[in-house]
PDB file of all heavy atoms in Angstrom:
ATOM      1  N   VAL A   1      65.242  99.342  96.846  1.00  0.00           N
ATOM      2  CA  VAL A   1      63.907  99.693  97.316  1.00  0.00           C
ATOM      3  C   VAL A   1      63.465  98.773  98.447  1.00  0.00           C
ATOM      4  O   VAL A   1      62.859  99.189  99.427  1.00  0.00           O
ATOM      5  CB  VAL A   1      62.916  99.629  96.133  1.00  0.00           C
ATOM      6  CG1 VAL A   1      61.500  99.939  96.607  1.00  0.00           C
ATOM      7  CG2 VAL A   1      63.335 100.595  95.038  1.00  0.00           C
ATOM      8  N   GLN A   2      63.765  97.466  98.345  1.00  0.00           N
ATOM      9  CA  GLN A   2      63.303  96.494  99.330  1.00  0.00           C
ATOM     10  C   GLN A   2      64.443  95.905 100.146  1.00  0.00           C
ATOM     11  O   GLN A   2      64.262  94.905 100.833  1.00  0.00           O
ATOM     12  CB  GLN A   2      62.533  95.376  98.612  1.00  0.00           C
ATOM     13  CG  GLN A   2      61.278  95.881  97.901  1.00  0.00           C
ATOM     14  CD  GLN A   2      60.563  94.777  97.155  1.00  0.00           C
ATOM     15  OE1 GLN A   2      61.154  93.732  96.880  1.00  0.00           O
ATOM     16  NE2 GLN A   2      59.294  95.000  96.850  1.00  0.00           N
ATOM     17  N   THR A   3      65.610  96.457 100.060  1.00  0.00           N
ATOM     18  CA  THR A   3      66.743  95.949 100.830  1.00  0.00           C
ATOM     19  C   THR A   3      67.317  97.059 101.681  1.00  0.00           C
ATOM     20  O   THR A   3      67.066  98.245 101.452  1.00  0.00           O
ATOM     21  CB  THR A   3      67.847  95.399  99.900  1.00  0.00           C
ATOM     22  OG1 THR A   3      68.365  96.489  99.117  1.00  0.00           O
ATOM     23  CG2 THR A   3      67.311  94.319  98.986  1.00  0.00           C
ATOM     24  N   ASN A   4      68.100  96.663 102.672  1.00  0.00           N
ATOM     25  CA  ASN A   4      68.747  97.636 103.552  1.00  0.00           C
ATOM     26  C   ASN A   4      70.265  97.579 103.415  1.00  0.00           C
ATOM     27  O   ASN A   4      70.991  97.820 104.363  1.00  0.00           O
ATOM     28  CB  ASN A   4      68.349  97.371 105.007  1.00  0.00           C
ATOM     29  CG  ASN A   4      66.889  97.699 105.252  1.00  0.00           C
ATOM     30  OD1 ASN A   4      66.400  98.704 104.755  1.00  0.00           O
ATOM     31  ND2 ASN A   4      66.195  96.851 106.002  1.00  0.00           N
ATOM     32  N   THR A   5      70.733  97.233 102.222  1.00  0.00           N
ATOM     33  CA  THR A   5      72.172  97.183 101.975  1.00  0.00           C
ATOM     34  C   THR A   5      72.750  98.597 102.047  1.00  0.00           C
ATOM     35  O   THR A   5      72.245  99.497 101.368  1.00  0.00           O
ATOM     36  CB  THR A   5      72.471  96.599 100.590  1.00  0.00           C
ATOM     37  OG1 THR A   5      71.788  95.348 100.464  1.00  0.00           O
ATOM     38  CG2 THR A   5      73.965  96.400 100.400  1.00  0.00           C
ATOM     39  N   PRO A   6      73.773  98.828 102.863  1.00  0.00           N
ATOM     40  CA  PRO A   6      74.344 100.176 102.973  1.00  0.00           C
ATOM     41  C   PRO A   6      74.917 100.645 101.641  1.00  0.00           C
ATOM     42  O   PRO A   6      75.480  99.862 100.880  1.00  0.00           O
ATOM     43  CB  PRO A   6      75.445 100.011 104.030  1.00  0.00           C
ATOM     44  CG  PRO A   6      75.104  98.755 104.760  1.00  0.00           C
ATOM     45  CD  PRO A   6      74.418  97.866 103.765  1.00  0.00           C
ATOM     46  N   LEU A   7      74.745 101.935 101.366  1.00  0.00           N
ATOM     47  CA  LEU A   7      75.314 102.524 100.155  1.00  0.00           C
ATOM     48  C   LEU A   7      76.780 102.825 100.387  1.00  0.00           C
ATOM     49  O   LEU A   7      77.117 103.697 101.183  1.00  0.00           O
ATOM     50  CB  LEU A   7      74.550 103.810  99.809  1.00  0.00           C
ATOM     51  CG  LEU A   7      73.073 103.649  99.471  1.00  0.00           C
ATOM     52  CD1 LEU A   7      72.427 105.009  99.289  1.00  0.00           C
ATOM     53  CD2 LEU A   7      72.892 102.811  98.224  1.00  0.00           C
ATOM     54  N   LYS A   8      77.656 102.121  99.703  1.00  0.00           N
ATOM     55  CA  LYS A   8      79.087 102.309  99.907  1.00  0.00           C
ATOM     56  C   LYS A   8      79.787 102.607  98.587  1.00  0.00           C
ATOM     57  O   LYS A   8      80.026 103.743  98.230  1.00  0.00           O
ATOM     58  CB  LYS A   8      79.697 101.069 100.572  1.00  0.00           C
ATOM     59  CG  LYS A   8      79.253 100.865 102.019  1.00  0.00           C
ATOM     60  CD  LYS A   8      79.964  99.677 102.647  1.00  0.00           C
ATOM     61  CE  LYS A   8      79.538  99.477 104.099  1.00  0.00           C
ATOM     62  NZ  LYS A   8      80.224  98.319 104.716  1.00  0.00           N
ATOM     63  N   ARG A   9      80.100 101.555  97.842  1.00  0.00           N
ATOM     64  CA  ARG A   9      80.920 101.696  96.639  1.00  0.00           C
ATOM     65  C   ARG A   9      80.229 102.569  95.589  1.00  0.00           C
ATOM     66  O   ARG A   9      79.039 102.386  95.316  1.00  0.00           O
ATOM     67  CB  ARG A   9      81.196 100.305  96.060  1.00  0.00           C
ATOM     68  CG  ARG A   9      82.230 100.283  94.951  1.00  0.00           C
ATOM     69  CD  ARG A   9      82.538  98.865  94.530  1.00  0.00           C
ATOM     70  NE  ARG A   9      81.351  98.215  93.985  1.00  0.00           N
ATOM     71  CZ  ARG A   9      81.336  96.963  93.553  1.00  0.00           C
ATOM     72  NH1 ARG A   9      82.415  96.210  93.655  1.00  0.00           N
ATOM     73  NH2 ARG A   9      80.234  96.454  93.047  1.00  0.00           N
ATOM     74  N   LEU A  10      80.973 103.524  95.061  1.00  0.00           N
ATOM     75  CA  LEU A  10      80.518 104.475  94.041  1.00  0.00           C
ATOM     76  C   LEU A  10      79.554 105.531  94.582  1.00  0.00           C
ATOM     77  O   LEU A  10      79.209 106.469  93.867  1.00  0.00           O
ATOM     78  CB  LEU A  10      79.850 103.748  92.862  1.00  0.00           C
ATOM     79  CG  LEU A  10      80.785 102.982  91.925  1.00  0.00           C
ATOM     80  CD1 LEU A  10      79.985 102.065  91.013  1.00  0.00           C
ATOM     81  CD2 LEU A  10      81.606 103.960  91.090  1.00  0.00           C
ATOM     82  N   VAL A  11      79.098 105.405  95.839  1.00  0.00           N
ATOM     83  CA  VAL A  11      78.135 106.352  96.396  1.00  0.00           C
ATOM     84  C   VAL A  11      78.751 107.083  97.596  1.00  0.00           C
ATOM     85  O   VAL A  11      79.054 108.267  97.534  1.00  0.00           O
ATOM     86  CB  VAL A  11      76.829 105.650  96.814  1.00  0.00           C
ATOM     87  CG1 VAL A  11      75.802 106.679  97.287  1.00  0.00           C
ATOM     88  CG2 VAL A  11      76.263 104.833  95.659  1.00  0.00           C
ATOM     89  N   LYS A  12      78.950 106.371  98.692  1.00  0.00           N
ATOM     90  CA  LYS A  12      79.551 106.959  99.884  1.00  0.00           C
ATOM     91  C   LYS A  12      81.069 106.799  99.901  1.00  0.00           C
ATOM     92  O   LYS A  12      81.773 107.538 100.579  1.00  0.00           O
ATOM     93  CB  LYS A  12      78.967 106.309 101.147  1.00  0.00           C
ATOM     94  CG  LYS A  12      77.455 106.443 101.283  1.00  0.00           C
ATOM     95  CD  LYS A  12      77.036 107.879 101.489  1.00  0.00           C
ATOM     96  CE  LYS A  12      75.532 107.968 101.735  1.00  0.00           C
ATOM     97  NZ  LYS A  12      75.082 109.369 101.884  1.00  0.00           N
ATOM     98  N   GLN A  13      81.554 105.789  99.178  1.00  0.00           N
ATOM     99  CA  GLN A  13      82.984 105.503  99.130  1.00  0.00           C
ATOM    100  C   GLN A  13      83.439 105.393  97.681  1.00  0.00           C
ATOM    101  O   GLN A  13      82.663 104.943  96.821  1.00  0.00           O
ATOM    102  CB  GLN A  13      83.303 104.200  99.882  1.00  0.00           C
ATOM    103  CG  GLN A  13      82.945 104.210 101.350  1.00  0.00           C
ATOM    104  CD  GLN A  13      83.144 102.860 102.007  1.00  0.00           C
ATOM    105  OE1 GLN A  13      83.542 101.889 101.356  1.00  0.00           O
ATOM    106  NE2 GLN A  13      82.832 102.778 103.296  1.00  0.00           N
ATOM    107  N   PRO A  14      84.688 105.792  97.388  1.00  0.00           N
ATOM    108  CA  PRO A  14      85.162 105.700  96.002  1.00  0.00           C
ATOM    109  C   PRO A  14      85.438 104.253  95.595  1.00  0.00           C
ATOM    110  O   PRO A  14      85.789 103.415  96.428  1.00  0.00           O
ATOM    111  CB  PRO A  14      86.457 106.518  96.030  1.00  0.00           C
ATOM    112  CG  PRO A  14      86.939 106.403  97.441  1.00  0.00           C
ATOM    113  CD  PRO A  14      85.702 106.360  98.297  1.00  0.00           C
ATOM    114  N   LEU A  15      85.259 103.973  94.321  1.00  0.00           N
ATOM    115  CA  LEU A  15      85.612 102.670  93.768  1.00  0.00           C
ATOM    116  C   LEU A  15      87.086 102.719  93.368  1.00  0.00           C
ATOM    117  O   LEU A  15      87.471 103.482  92.478  1.00  0.00           O
ATOM    118  CB  LEU A  15      84.736 102.346  92.551  1.00  0.00           C
ATOM    119  CG  LEU A  15      85.099 101.080  91.765  1.00  0.00           C
ATOM    120  CD1 LEU A  15      84.966  99.837  92.634  1.00  0.00           C
ATOM    121  CD2 LEU A  15      84.228 100.946  90.525  1.00  0.00           C
ATOM    122  N   LYS A  16      87.909 101.922  94.041  1.00  0.00           N
ATOM    123  CA  LYS A  16      89.349 101.935  93.784  1.00  0.00           C
ATOM    124  C   LYS A  16      89.853 100.630  93.195  1.00  0.00           C
ATOM    125  O   LYS A  16      91.041 100.499  92.908  1.00  0.00           O
ATOM    126  CB  LYS A  16      90.108 102.241  95.082  1.00  0.00           C
ATOM    127  CG  LYS A  16      89.852 103.640  95.628  1.00  0.00           C
ATOM    128  CD  LYS A  16      90.762 103.959  96.791  1.00  0.00           C
ATOM    129  CE  LYS A  16      90.575 105.391  97.261  1.00  0.00           C
ATOM    130  NZ  LYS A  16      91.514 105.743  98.351  1.00  0.00           N
ATOM    131  N   ALA A  17      88.981  99.636  93.029  1.00  0.00           N
ATOM    132  CA  ALA A  17      89.366  98.361  92.401  1.00  0.00           C
ATOM    133  C   ALA A  17      89.013  98.453  90.924  1.00  0.00           C
ATOM    134  O   ALA A  17      87.842  98.397  90.544  1.00  0.00           O
ATOM    135  CB  ALA A  17      88.633  97.204  93.074  1.00  0.00           C
ATOM    136  N   PHE A  18      90.029  98.611  90.073  1.00  0.00           N
ATOM    137  CA  PHE A  18      89.806  98.849  88.650  1.00  0.00           C
ATOM    138  C   PHE A  18      90.015  97.594  87.799  1.00  0.00           C
ATOM    139  O   PHE A  18      90.104  97.681  86.578  1.00  0.00           O
ATOM    140  CB  PHE A  18      90.754  99.956  88.155  1.00  0.00           C
ATOM    141  CG  PHE A  18      90.734 101.188  89.010  1.00  0.00           C
ATOM    142  CD1 PHE A  18      91.907 101.657  89.600  1.00  0.00           C
ATOM    143  CD2 PHE A  18      89.557 101.879  89.236  1.00  0.00           C
ATOM    144  CE1 PHE A  18      91.901 102.791  90.396  1.00  0.00           C
ATOM    145  CE2 PHE A  18      89.533 103.008  90.028  1.00  0.00           C
ATOM    146  CZ  PHE A  18      90.702 103.465  90.615  1.00  0.00           C
ATOM    147  N   ASP A  19      90.107  96.423  88.444  1.00  0.00           N
ATOM    148  CA  ASP A  19      90.413  95.207  87.690  1.00  0.00           C
ATOM    149  C   ASP A  19      89.166  94.563  87.101  1.00  0.00           C
ATOM    150  O   ASP A  19      89.268  93.732  86.195  1.00  0.00           O
ATOM    151  CB  ASP A  19      91.139  94.200  88.593  1.00  0.00           C
ATOM    152  CG  ASP A  19      90.357  93.894  89.860  1.00  0.00           C
ATOM    153  OD1 ASP A  19      89.758  94.830  90.391  1.00  0.00           O
ATOM    154  OD2 ASP A  19      90.356  92.743  90.305  1.00  0.00           O
ATOM    155  N   ASP A  20      87.969  94.911  87.573  1.00  0.00           N
ATOM    156  CA  ASP A  20      86.753  94.269  87.076  1.00  0.00           C
ATOM    157  C   ASP A  20      85.667  95.330  86.922  1.00  0.00           C
ATOM    158  O   ASP A  20      84.632  95.296  87.586  1.00  0.00           O
ATOM    159  CB  ASP A  20      86.310  93.160  88.049  1.00  0.00           C
ATOM    160  CG  ASP A  20      85.166  92.327  87.478  1.00  0.00           C
ATOM    161  OD1 ASP A  20      85.006  92.324  86.248  1.00  0.00           O
ATOM    162  OD2 ASP A  20      84.443  91.699  88.270  1.00  0.00           O
ATOM    163  N   LEU A  21      85.885  96.264  85.994  1.00  0.00           N
ATOM    164  CA  LEU A  21      84.943  97.354  85.807  1.00  0.00           C
ATOM    165  C   LEU A  21      83.890  97.030  84.748  1.00  0.00           C
ATOM    166  O   LEU A  21      82.710  97.320  84.925  1.00  0.00           O
ATOM    167  CB  LEU A  21      85.680  98.641  85.422  1.00  0.00           C
ATOM    168  CG  LEU A  21      86.630  99.230  86.480  1.00  0.00           C
ATOM    169  CD1 LEU A  21      87.277 100.494  85.943  1.00  0.00           C
ATOM    170  CD2 LEU A  21      85.894  99.523  87.779  1.00  0.00           C
ATOM    171  N   LEU A  22      84.296  96.426  83.625  1.00  0.00           N
ATOM    172  CA  LEU A  22      83.403  96.185  82.504  1.00  0.00           C
ATOM    173  C   LEU A  22      82.891  94.748  82.523  1.00  0.00           C
ATOM    174  O   LEU A  22      83.225  93.960  83.404  1.00  0.00           O
ATOM    175  CB  LEU A  22      84.123  96.493  81.192  1.00  0.00           C
ATOM    176  CG  LEU A  22      84.703  97.921  81.092  1.00  0.00           C
ATOM    177  CD1 LEU A  22      85.453  98.095  79.784  1.00  0.00           C
ATOM    178  CD2 LEU A  22      83.605  98.970  81.226  1.00  0.00           C
ATOM    179  N   GLY A  23      82.082  94.408  81.529  1.00  0.00           N
ATOM    180  CA  GLY A  23      81.499  93.072  81.490  1.00  0.00           C
ATOM    181  C   GLY A  23      80.158  93.038  82.198  1.00  0.00           C
ATOM    182  O   GLY A  23      79.815  93.923  82.992  1.00  0.00           O
ATOM    183  N   GLU A  24      79.365  91.995  81.929  1.00  0.00           N
ATOM    184  CA  GLU A  24      78.024  91.872  82.496  1.00  0.00           C
ATOM    185  C   GLU A  24      78.035  91.852  84.021  1.00  0.00           C
ATOM    186  O   GLU A  24      77.119  92.336  84.662  1.00  0.00           O
ATOM    187  CB  GLU A  24      77.347  90.606  81.961  1.00  0.00           C
ATOM    188  CG  GLU A  24      76.844  90.739  80.539  1.00  0.00           C
ATOM    189  CD  GLU A  24      75.787  91.835  80.392  1.00  0.00           C
ATOM    190  OE1 GLU A  24      74.895  91.892  81.254  1.00  0.00           O
ATOM    191  OE2 GLU A  24      75.883  92.626  79.440  1.00  0.00           O
ATOM    192  N   LYS A  25      79.072  91.252  84.602  1.00  0.00           N
ATOM    193  CA  LYS A  25      79.167  91.182  86.055  1.00  0.00           C
ATOM    194  C   LYS A  25      80.168  92.192  86.612  1.00  0.00           C
ATOM    195  O   LYS A  25      80.549  92.120  87.774  1.00  0.00           O
ATOM    196  CB  LYS A  25      79.559  89.769  86.484  1.00  0.00           C
ATOM    197  CG  LYS A  25      78.503  88.719  86.140  1.00  0.00           C
ATOM    198  CD  LYS A  25      78.899  87.353  86.662  1.00  0.00           C
ATOM    199  CE  LYS A  25      77.838  86.305  86.324  1.00  0.00           C
ATOM    200  NZ  LYS A  25      78.209  84.957  86.839  1.00  0.00           N
ATOM    201  N   GLY A  26      80.573  93.122  85.754  1.00  0.00           N
ATOM    202  CA  GLY A  26      81.524  94.144  86.194  1.00  0.00           C
ATOM    203  C   GLY A  26      80.876  95.152  87.137  1.00  0.00           C
ATOM    204  O   GLY A  26      79.644  95.275  87.218  1.00  0.00           O
ATOM    205  N   SER A  27      81.700  95.884  87.849  1.00  0.00           N
ATOM    206  CA  SER A  27      81.209  96.818  88.870  1.00  0.00           C
ATOM    207  C   SER A  27      80.315  97.907  88.288  1.00  0.00           C
ATOM    208  O   SER A  27      79.316  98.289  88.902  1.00  0.00           O
ATOM    209  CB  SER A  27      82.395  97.456  89.606  1.00  0.00           C
ATOM    210  OG  SER A  27      83.220  96.479  90.180  1.00  0.00           O
ATOM    211  N   LEU A  28      80.660  98.407  87.082  1.00  0.00           N
ATOM    212  CA  LEU A  28      79.928  99.542  86.528  1.00  0.00           C
ATOM    213  C   LEU A  28      78.545  99.149  86.020  1.00  0.00           C
ATOM    214  O   LEU A  28      77.547  99.823  86.309  1.00  0.00           O
ATOM    215  CB  LEU A  28      80.751 100.194  85.411  1.00  0.00           C
ATOM    216  CG  LEU A  28      82.126 100.720  85.834  1.00  0.00           C
ATOM    217  CD1 LEU A  28      82.841 101.375  84.677  1.00  0.00           C
ATOM    218  CD2 LEU A  28      82.001 101.700  86.999  1.00  0.00           C
ATOM    219  N   LEU A  29      78.468  98.055  85.254  1.00  0.00           N
ATOM    220  CA  LEU A  29      77.161  97.617  84.759  1.00  0.00           C
ATOM    221  C   LEU A  29      76.268  97.128  85.899  1.00  0.00           C
ATOM    222  O   LEU A  29      75.054  97.325  85.884  1.00  0.00           O
ATOM    223  CB  LEU A  29      77.347  96.514  83.719  1.00  0.00           C
ATOM    224  CG  LEU A  29      77.756  96.982  82.313  1.00  0.00           C
ATOM    225  CD1 LEU A  29      77.996  95.802  81.398  1.00  0.00           C
ATOM    226  CD2 LEU A  29      76.711  97.906  81.717  1.00  0.00           C
ATOM    227  N   THR A  30      76.865  96.484  86.892  1.00  0.00           N
ATOM    228  CA  THR A  30      76.089  96.040  88.060  1.00  0.00           C
ATOM    229  C   THR A  30      75.466  97.231  88.776  1.00  0.00           C
ATOM    230  O   THR A  30      74.288  97.204  89.162  1.00  0.00           O
ATOM    231  CB  THR A  30      76.986  95.258  89.029  1.00  0.00           C
ATOM    232  OG1 THR A  30      77.539  94.133  88.344  1.00  0.00           O
ATOM    233  CG2 THR A  30      76.198  94.779  90.231  1.00  0.00           C
ATOM    234  N   HIS A  31      76.251  98.290  88.943  1.00  0.00           N
ATOM    235  CA  HIS A  31      75.723  99.497  89.593  1.00  0.00           C
ATOM    236  C   HIS A  31      74.636 100.141  88.738  1.00  0.00           C
ATOM    237  O   HIS A  31      73.624 100.612  89.262  1.00  0.00           O
ATOM    238  CB  HIS A  31      76.858 100.479  89.843  1.00  0.00           C
ATOM    239  CG  HIS A  31      76.405 101.776  90.438  1.00  0.00           C
ATOM    240  ND1 HIS A  31      76.128 101.936  91.771  1.00  0.00           N
ATOM    241  CD2 HIS A  31      76.144 102.983  89.854  1.00  0.00           C
ATOM    242  CE1 HIS A  31      75.733 103.172  92.003  1.00  0.00           C
ATOM    243  NE2 HIS A  31      75.743 103.829  90.854  1.00  0.00           N
ATOM    244  N   GLN A  32      74.831 100.154  87.435  1.00  0.00           N
ATOM    245  CA  GLN A  32      73.893 100.813  86.534  1.00  0.00           C
ATOM    246  C   GLN A  32      72.517 100.141  86.550  1.00  0.00           C
ATOM    247  O   GLN A  32      71.501 100.795  86.305  1.00  0.00           O
ATOM    248  CB  GLN A  32      74.463 100.815  85.108  1.00  0.00           C
ATOM    249  CG  GLN A  32      73.670 101.643  84.125  1.00  0.00           C
ATOM    250  CD  GLN A  32      74.395 101.797  82.811  1.00  0.00           C
ATOM    251  OE1 GLN A  32      75.011 102.828  82.552  1.00  0.00           O
ATOM    252  NE2 GLN A  32      74.336 100.778  81.975  1.00  0.00           N
TER     253      GLN A  32
END
């Protein structure tokens, strides 16, 4: 809402790094 970070991973581009998906700092929970 208050940042101008480009939408890339999981939105405009596919997520292809599957080594750190879960966990509190994992890609999926961070996106959620």
